[in-house]
């Protein structure tokens, strides 16, 4: 039954750097359970990147192939690094076995980048 409060979902994932020469870090979330659909309704994040190096933050949308949803990043402050926040409503669907992922891209592959992403929404039980 597709009811928002029936099986709530809220998971945080850190953005793990992918090593030298890579322009992004990725926050990988657990795979959607068997016989379920994940409906993501909100994304929240705190981003930290080297000064002036943020290219953008994105959420992968597997239902649209290799497409990404650009996340509106709000500049908060600078203190050696630049700090941004993301707080936006979305409506995205992930099917059983799919793994949501969020990304922080920087202009330079040598730039430091870090963050933590939170996805919230609910799971739909597809057996009913």
N, C-alpha and C. Protein backbone atom coordinates (compact mmCIF):
# COMPACT_ATOMS: atom_id res chain seq x y z
N UNK A 1 0.86 -1.17 0.00
CA UNK A 1 0.00 0.00 0.00
C UNK A 1 0.90 1.23 0.00
N UNK A 2 0.59 2.15 -0.88
CA UNK A 2 1.40 3.35 -1.06
C UNK A 2 0.95 4.45 -0.10
N UNK A 3 1.43 4.35 1.15
CA UNK A 3 1.13 5.36 2.16
C UNK A 3 2.44 5.90 2.70
N UNK A 4 2.58 7.20 2.71
CA UNK A 4 3.85 7.82 3.11
C UNK A 4 4.36 7.36 4.46
N UNK A 5 3.52 7.31 5.45
CA UNK A 5 3.97 7.01 6.80
C UNK A 5 4.09 5.54 7.11
N UNK A 6 3.69 4.68 6.22
CA UNK A 6 3.66 3.24 6.49
C UNK A 6 5.06 2.66 6.69
N UNK A 7 5.98 2.95 5.75
CA UNK A 7 7.37 2.48 5.87
C UNK A 7 8.30 3.67 5.59
N UNK A 8 8.49 4.54 6.58
CA UNK A 8 9.32 5.72 6.36
C UNK A 8 10.77 5.34 6.07
N UNK A 9 11.45 6.21 5.35
CA UNK A 9 12.83 5.97 4.95
C UNK A 9 13.62 7.25 5.17
N UNK A 10 14.74 7.14 5.87
CA UNK A 10 15.67 8.25 6.03
C UNK A 10 17.05 7.65 6.28
N UNK A 11 17.98 7.92 5.35
CA UNK A 11 19.32 7.34 5.45
C UNK A 11 20.34 8.42 5.11
N UNK A 12 21.45 8.43 5.88
CA UNK A 12 22.56 9.33 5.61
C UNK A 12 23.72 8.54 5.03
N UNK A 13 24.49 9.19 4.15
CA UNK A 13 25.68 8.56 3.59
C UNK A 13 26.75 9.63 3.39
N UNK A 14 27.99 9.32 3.79
CA UNK A 14 29.09 10.27 3.56
C UNK A 14 29.54 10.21 2.11
N UNK A 15 30.07 11.31 1.63
CA UNK A 15 30.60 11.37 0.28
C UNK A 15 32.05 10.92 0.32
N UNK A 16 32.33 9.75 -0.26
CA UNK A 16 33.66 9.16 -0.22
C UNK A 16 34.47 9.60 -1.44
N UNK A 17 35.66 10.17 -1.18
CA UNK A 17 36.53 10.60 -2.26
C UNK A 17 36.96 9.39 -3.09
N UNK A 18 37.08 9.57 -4.39
CA UNK A 18 37.37 8.47 -5.29
C UNK A 18 38.85 8.34 -5.65
N UNK A 19 39.70 9.15 -5.02
CA UNK A 19 41.14 9.03 -5.24
C UNK A 19 41.70 10.10 -6.15
N UNK A 20 43.02 10.07 -6.35
CA UNK A 20 43.69 11.10 -7.15
C UNK A 20 43.22 11.08 -8.60
N UNK A 21 43.11 12.28 -9.18
CA UNK A 21 42.74 12.40 -10.58
C UNK A 21 41.26 12.30 -10.87
N UNK A 22 40.44 12.16 -9.84
CA UNK A 22 38.98 12.04 -10.02
C UNK A 22 38.34 13.35 -9.56
N UNK A 23 37.36 13.81 -10.31
CA UNK A 23 36.73 15.12 -10.08
C UNK A 23 35.53 15.08 -9.13
N UNK A 24 35.26 13.95 -8.50
CA UNK A 24 34.05 13.86 -7.68
C UNK A 24 34.24 12.91 -6.51
N UNK A 25 33.32 13.03 -5.55
CA UNK A 25 33.17 12.02 -4.51
C UNK A 25 31.74 11.50 -4.63
N UNK A 26 31.49 10.33 -4.07
CA UNK A 26 30.16 9.73 -4.21
C UNK A 26 29.65 9.25 -2.84
N UNK A 27 28.40 9.54 -2.58
CA UNK A 27 27.70 9.04 -1.39
C UNK A 27 26.77 7.92 -1.87
N UNK A 28 27.10 6.69 -1.51
CA UNK A 28 26.32 5.53 -1.95
C UNK A 28 25.36 5.10 -0.85
N UNK A 29 24.12 4.89 -1.22
CA UNK A 29 23.09 4.48 -0.28
C UNK A 29 22.80 2.99 -0.46
N UNK A 30 22.19 2.36 0.55
CA UNK A 30 21.88 0.93 0.43
C UNK A 30 20.92 0.66 -0.73
N UNK A 31 21.04 -0.54 -1.29
CA UNK A 31 20.13 -0.95 -2.36
C UNK A 31 18.70 -1.01 -1.83
N UNK A 32 17.76 -0.68 -2.68
CA UNK A 32 16.34 -0.77 -2.32
C UNK A 32 16.00 -2.24 -2.10
N UNK A 33 15.31 -2.58 -0.99
CA UNK A 33 15.00 -3.98 -0.70
C UNK A 33 14.12 -4.64 -1.78
N UNK A 34 14.24 -5.95 -1.84
CA UNK A 34 13.43 -6.76 -2.75
C UNK A 34 11.94 -6.47 -2.53
N UNK A 35 11.17 -6.46 -3.59
CA UNK A 35 9.72 -6.23 -3.56
C UNK A 35 9.34 -4.85 -3.02
N UNK A 36 10.23 -3.88 -3.20
CA UNK A 36 9.97 -2.53 -2.70
C UNK A 36 10.30 -1.50 -3.77
N UNK A 37 9.73 -0.34 -3.60
CA UNK A 37 10.07 0.85 -4.39
C UNK A 37 10.36 1.96 -3.39
N UNK A 38 11.46 2.66 -3.59
CA UNK A 38 11.79 3.79 -2.74
C UNK A 38 11.30 5.07 -3.41
N UNK A 39 10.53 5.84 -2.67
CA UNK A 39 10.10 7.16 -3.13
C UNK A 39 10.87 8.18 -2.30
N UNK A 40 11.78 8.90 -2.95
CA UNK A 40 12.56 9.94 -2.27
C UNK A 40 11.82 11.25 -2.42
N UNK A 41 11.55 11.88 -1.28
CA UNK A 41 10.80 13.14 -1.27
C UNK A 41 11.64 14.35 -0.89
N UNK A 42 12.80 14.10 -0.28
CA UNK A 42 13.60 15.23 0.19
C UNK A 42 15.06 14.82 0.23
N UNK A 43 15.93 15.77 -0.11
CA UNK A 43 17.37 15.55 0.02
C UNK A 43 17.97 16.73 0.76
N UNK A 44 18.89 16.41 1.64
CA UNK A 44 19.56 17.40 2.46
C UNK A 44 21.04 17.06 2.44
N UNK A 45 21.89 18.08 2.43
CA UNK A 45 23.32 17.81 2.42
C UNK A 45 24.10 18.99 2.97
N UNK A 46 25.28 18.66 3.47
CA UNK A 46 26.29 19.64 3.83
C UNK A 46 27.51 19.33 2.99
N UNK A 47 28.01 20.33 2.26
CA UNK A 47 29.14 20.15 1.36
C UNK A 47 30.32 20.99 1.81
N UNK A 48 31.50 20.46 1.65
CA UNK A 48 32.73 21.20 1.93
C UNK A 48 33.68 20.95 0.76
N UNK A 49 34.10 22.02 0.11
CA UNK A 49 35.03 21.90 -1.01
C UNK A 49 36.12 22.97 -0.90
N UNK A 50 37.22 22.71 -1.58
CA UNK A 50 38.29 23.70 -1.64
C UNK A 50 37.73 25.00 -2.20
N UNK A 51 38.24 26.13 -1.70
CA UNK A 51 37.74 27.46 -2.07
C UNK A 51 37.62 27.63 -3.59
N UNK A 52 36.47 28.05 -4.05
CA UNK A 52 36.11 28.35 -5.45
C UNK A 52 36.11 27.14 -6.38
N UNK A 53 36.06 25.93 -5.84
CA UNK A 53 36.19 24.74 -6.69
C UNK A 53 34.90 23.94 -6.90
N UNK A 54 33.78 24.37 -6.32
CA UNK A 54 32.54 23.59 -6.48
C UNK A 54 32.01 23.70 -7.91
N UNK A 55 31.83 22.56 -8.56
CA UNK A 55 31.17 22.52 -9.86
C UNK A 55 29.69 22.26 -9.66
N UNK A 56 29.36 21.38 -8.70
CA UNK A 56 27.96 21.13 -8.39
C UNK A 56 27.75 19.85 -7.62
N UNK A 57 26.55 19.71 -7.09
CA UNK A 57 26.13 18.49 -6.40
C UNK A 57 24.98 17.90 -7.19
N UNK A 58 24.93 16.56 -7.26
CA UNK A 58 23.98 15.88 -8.13
C UNK A 58 23.47 14.60 -7.47
N UNK A 59 22.26 14.21 -7.85
CA UNK A 59 21.68 12.95 -7.40
C UNK A 59 21.42 12.11 -8.64
N UNK A 60 21.92 10.87 -8.63
CA UNK A 60 21.72 9.97 -9.75
C UNK A 60 20.26 9.57 -9.89
N UNK A 61 19.79 9.48 -11.14
CA UNK A 61 18.40 9.12 -11.42
C UNK A 61 18.42 7.89 -12.36
N UNK A 62 18.52 6.68 -11.79
CA UNK A 62 18.66 5.49 -12.63
C UNK A 62 17.46 5.22 -13.54
N UNK A 63 16.28 5.69 -13.16
CA UNK A 63 15.11 5.47 -14.01
C UNK A 63 15.21 6.25 -15.31
N UNK A 64 16.13 7.22 -15.37
CA UNK A 64 16.34 8.02 -16.58
C UNK A 64 17.68 7.69 -17.22
N UNK A 65 18.16 6.47 -17.01
CA UNK A 65 19.45 6.08 -17.57
C UNK A 65 20.58 6.64 -16.74
N UNK A 66 21.50 7.32 -17.40
CA UNK A 66 22.65 7.89 -16.70
C UNK A 66 22.46 9.37 -16.40
N UNK A 67 21.23 9.77 -16.19
CA UNK A 67 20.92 11.18 -15.93
C UNK A 67 21.13 11.52 -14.46
N UNK A 68 21.33 12.81 -14.21
CA UNK A 68 21.53 13.32 -12.85
C UNK A 68 20.62 14.51 -12.62
N UNK A 69 20.17 14.63 -11.39
CA UNK A 69 19.39 15.79 -10.97
C UNK A 69 20.36 16.75 -10.30
N UNK A 70 20.45 17.97 -10.82
CA UNK A 70 21.31 18.99 -10.19
C UNK A 70 20.66 19.46 -8.90
N UNK A 71 21.45 19.49 -7.85
CA UNK A 71 20.96 19.90 -6.53
C UNK A 71 21.33 21.35 -6.29
N UNK A 72 20.36 22.15 -5.94
CA UNK A 72 20.60 23.56 -5.65
C UNK A 72 21.45 23.68 -4.40
N UNK A 73 22.66 24.20 -4.56
CA UNK A 73 23.61 24.32 -3.45
C UNK A 73 23.69 25.78 -3.02
N UNK A 74 23.47 26.02 -1.75
CA UNK A 74 23.49 27.38 -1.19
C UNK A 74 24.80 27.62 -0.46
N UNK A 75 25.51 28.67 -0.86
CA UNK A 75 26.76 29.02 -0.19
C UNK A 75 26.46 29.46 1.23
N UNK A 76 27.20 28.92 2.19
CA UNK A 76 26.99 29.25 3.60
C UNK A 76 28.14 30.10 4.16
N UNK A 77 29.39 29.66 3.94
CA UNK A 77 30.52 30.40 4.49
C UNK A 77 31.82 29.89 3.87
N UNK A 78 32.89 30.62 4.17
CA UNK A 78 34.21 30.18 3.75
C UNK A 78 35.17 30.37 4.91
N UNK A 79 36.03 29.39 5.08
CA UNK A 79 37.05 29.46 6.13
C UNK A 79 38.14 28.47 5.73
N UNK A 80 38.92 28.86 4.74
CA UNK A 80 39.90 27.94 4.17
C UNK A 80 39.26 27.08 3.09
N UNK A 81 38.07 26.59 3.37
CA UNK A 81 37.27 25.84 2.40
C UNK A 81 35.92 26.55 2.27
N UNK A 82 35.18 26.21 1.24
CA UNK A 82 33.83 26.76 1.06
C UNK A 82 32.82 25.74 1.57
N UNK A 83 31.80 26.22 2.25
CA UNK A 83 30.76 25.37 2.81
C UNK A 83 29.42 25.70 2.16
N UNK A 84 28.71 24.67 1.75
CA UNK A 84 27.42 24.81 1.07
C UNK A 84 26.40 23.90 1.75
N UNK A 85 25.14 24.23 1.56
CA UNK A 85 24.06 23.35 2.03
C UNK A 85 23.12 23.07 0.87
N UNK A 86 22.49 21.92 0.95
CA UNK A 86 21.45 21.52 0.01
C UNK A 86 20.25 21.14 0.84
N UNK A 87 19.10 21.66 0.49
CA UNK A 87 17.86 21.31 1.19
C UNK A 87 16.73 21.51 0.18
N UNK A 88 16.29 20.40 -0.43
CA UNK A 88 15.28 20.58 -1.48
C UNK A 88 14.34 19.39 -1.59
N UNK A 89 13.08 19.70 -1.89
CA UNK A 89 12.11 18.63 -2.14
C UNK A 89 12.35 18.04 -3.53
N UNK A 90 12.13 16.74 -3.63
CA UNK A 90 12.22 16.04 -4.91
C UNK A 90 11.14 14.95 -4.91
N UNK A 91 10.87 14.39 -6.05
CA UNK A 91 10.06 13.17 -6.13
C UNK A 91 10.79 12.28 -7.13
N UNK A 92 11.49 11.28 -6.58
CA UNK A 92 12.25 10.33 -7.40
C UNK A 92 11.93 8.92 -6.95
N UNK A 93 11.98 8.00 -7.90
CA UNK A 93 11.65 6.60 -7.62
C UNK A 93 12.87 5.73 -7.90
N UNK A 94 13.14 4.82 -6.97
CA UNK A 94 14.19 3.82 -7.13
C UNK A 94 13.55 2.45 -6.94
N UNK A 95 13.82 1.56 -7.88
CA UNK A 95 13.22 0.23 -7.83
C UNK A 95 14.10 -0.73 -7.04
N UNK A 96 13.55 -1.90 -6.72
CA UNK A 96 14.27 -2.92 -5.96
C UNK A 96 15.62 -3.19 -6.60
N UNK A 97 16.65 -3.23 -5.77
CA UNK A 97 18.00 -3.50 -6.24
C UNK A 97 18.78 -2.26 -6.66
N UNK A 98 18.11 -1.16 -6.96
CA UNK A 98 18.82 0.06 -7.35
C UNK A 98 19.43 0.72 -6.11
N UNK A 99 20.59 1.33 -6.31
CA UNK A 99 21.30 1.99 -5.23
C UNK A 99 21.36 3.49 -5.50
N UNK A 100 20.62 4.29 -4.72
CA UNK A 100 20.73 5.74 -4.90
C UNK A 100 22.17 6.20 -4.64
N UNK A 101 22.59 7.23 -5.35
CA UNK A 101 23.93 7.78 -5.16
C UNK A 101 23.89 9.29 -5.40
N UNK A 102 24.63 10.02 -4.58
CA UNK A 102 24.76 11.47 -4.72
C UNK A 102 26.23 11.80 -4.93
N UNK A 103 26.48 12.90 -5.63
CA UNK A 103 27.85 13.24 -6.03
C UNK A 103 28.15 14.71 -5.76
N UNK A 104 29.42 14.98 -5.44
CA UNK A 104 29.94 16.34 -5.38
C UNK A 104 31.05 16.40 -6.43
N UNK A 105 30.89 17.28 -7.41
CA UNK A 105 31.90 17.48 -8.45
C UNK A 105 32.65 18.79 -8.20
N UNK A 106 33.95 18.74 -8.44
CA UNK A 106 34.77 19.94 -8.32
C UNK A 106 35.42 20.26 -9.67
N UNK A 107 35.87 21.49 -9.80
CA UNK A 107 36.50 21.94 -11.05
C UNK A 107 37.83 21.24 -11.27
N UNK A 108 38.61 21.08 -10.22
CA UNK A 108 39.92 20.45 -10.32
C UNK A 108 39.90 19.06 -9.70
N UNK A 109 40.60 18.13 -10.33
CA UNK A 109 40.68 16.78 -9.77
C UNK A 109 41.52 16.72 -8.51
N UNK A 110 42.32 17.76 -8.26
CA UNK A 110 43.16 17.80 -7.06
C UNK A 110 42.46 18.46 -5.88
N UNK A 111 41.24 18.95 -6.08
CA UNK A 111 40.52 19.65 -5.02
C UNK A 111 40.02 18.70 -3.94
N UNK A 112 40.04 19.19 -2.72
CA UNK A 112 39.45 18.44 -1.61
C UNK A 112 37.94 18.63 -1.64
N UNK A 113 37.21 17.56 -1.37
CA UNK A 113 35.74 17.63 -1.35
C UNK A 113 35.24 16.63 -0.31
N UNK A 114 34.17 17.01 0.38
CA UNK A 114 33.58 16.13 1.38
C UNK A 114 32.14 16.56 1.59
N UNK A 115 31.36 15.68 2.16
CA UNK A 115 29.98 16.02 2.46
C UNK A 115 29.23 14.84 3.02
N UNK A 116 28.04 15.11 3.46
CA UNK A 116 27.15 14.05 3.92
C UNK A 116 25.77 14.35 3.36
N UNK A 117 25.14 13.33 2.81
CA UNK A 117 23.82 13.47 2.18
C UNK A 117 22.80 12.69 2.99
N UNK A 118 21.58 13.22 3.07
CA UNK A 118 20.45 12.53 3.70
C UNK A 118 19.31 12.46 2.70
N UNK A 119 18.82 11.26 2.45
CA UNK A 119 17.64 11.06 1.63
C UNK A 119 16.49 10.67 2.55
N UNK A 120 15.31 11.24 2.31
CA UNK A 120 14.15 10.84 3.10
C UNK A 120 12.95 10.69 2.18
N UNK A 121 12.08 9.81 2.60
CA UNK A 121 10.88 9.50 1.84
C UNK A 121 10.21 8.29 2.45
N UNK A 122 9.83 7.33 1.58
CA UNK A 122 9.18 6.13 2.10
C UNK A 122 9.34 4.98 1.12
N UNK A 123 9.18 3.76 1.65
CA UNK A 123 9.23 2.55 0.85
C UNK A 123 7.80 2.08 0.56
N UNK A 124 7.58 1.61 -0.66
CA UNK A 124 6.29 1.05 -1.06
C UNK A 124 6.47 -0.46 -1.13
N UNK A 125 5.61 -1.21 -0.46
CA UNK A 125 5.63 -2.67 -0.51
C UNK A 125 4.91 -3.11 -1.78
N UNK A 126 5.64 -3.70 -2.72
CA UNK A 126 5.07 -4.08 -4.00
C UNK A 126 4.41 -5.45 -4.00
N UNK A 127 4.39 -6.12 -2.84
CA UNK A 127 3.75 -7.44 -2.76
C UNK A 127 2.25 -7.32 -2.49
N UNK A 128 1.80 -6.13 -2.17
CA UNK A 128 0.37 -5.96 -1.83
C UNK A 128 -0.41 -5.38 -2.99
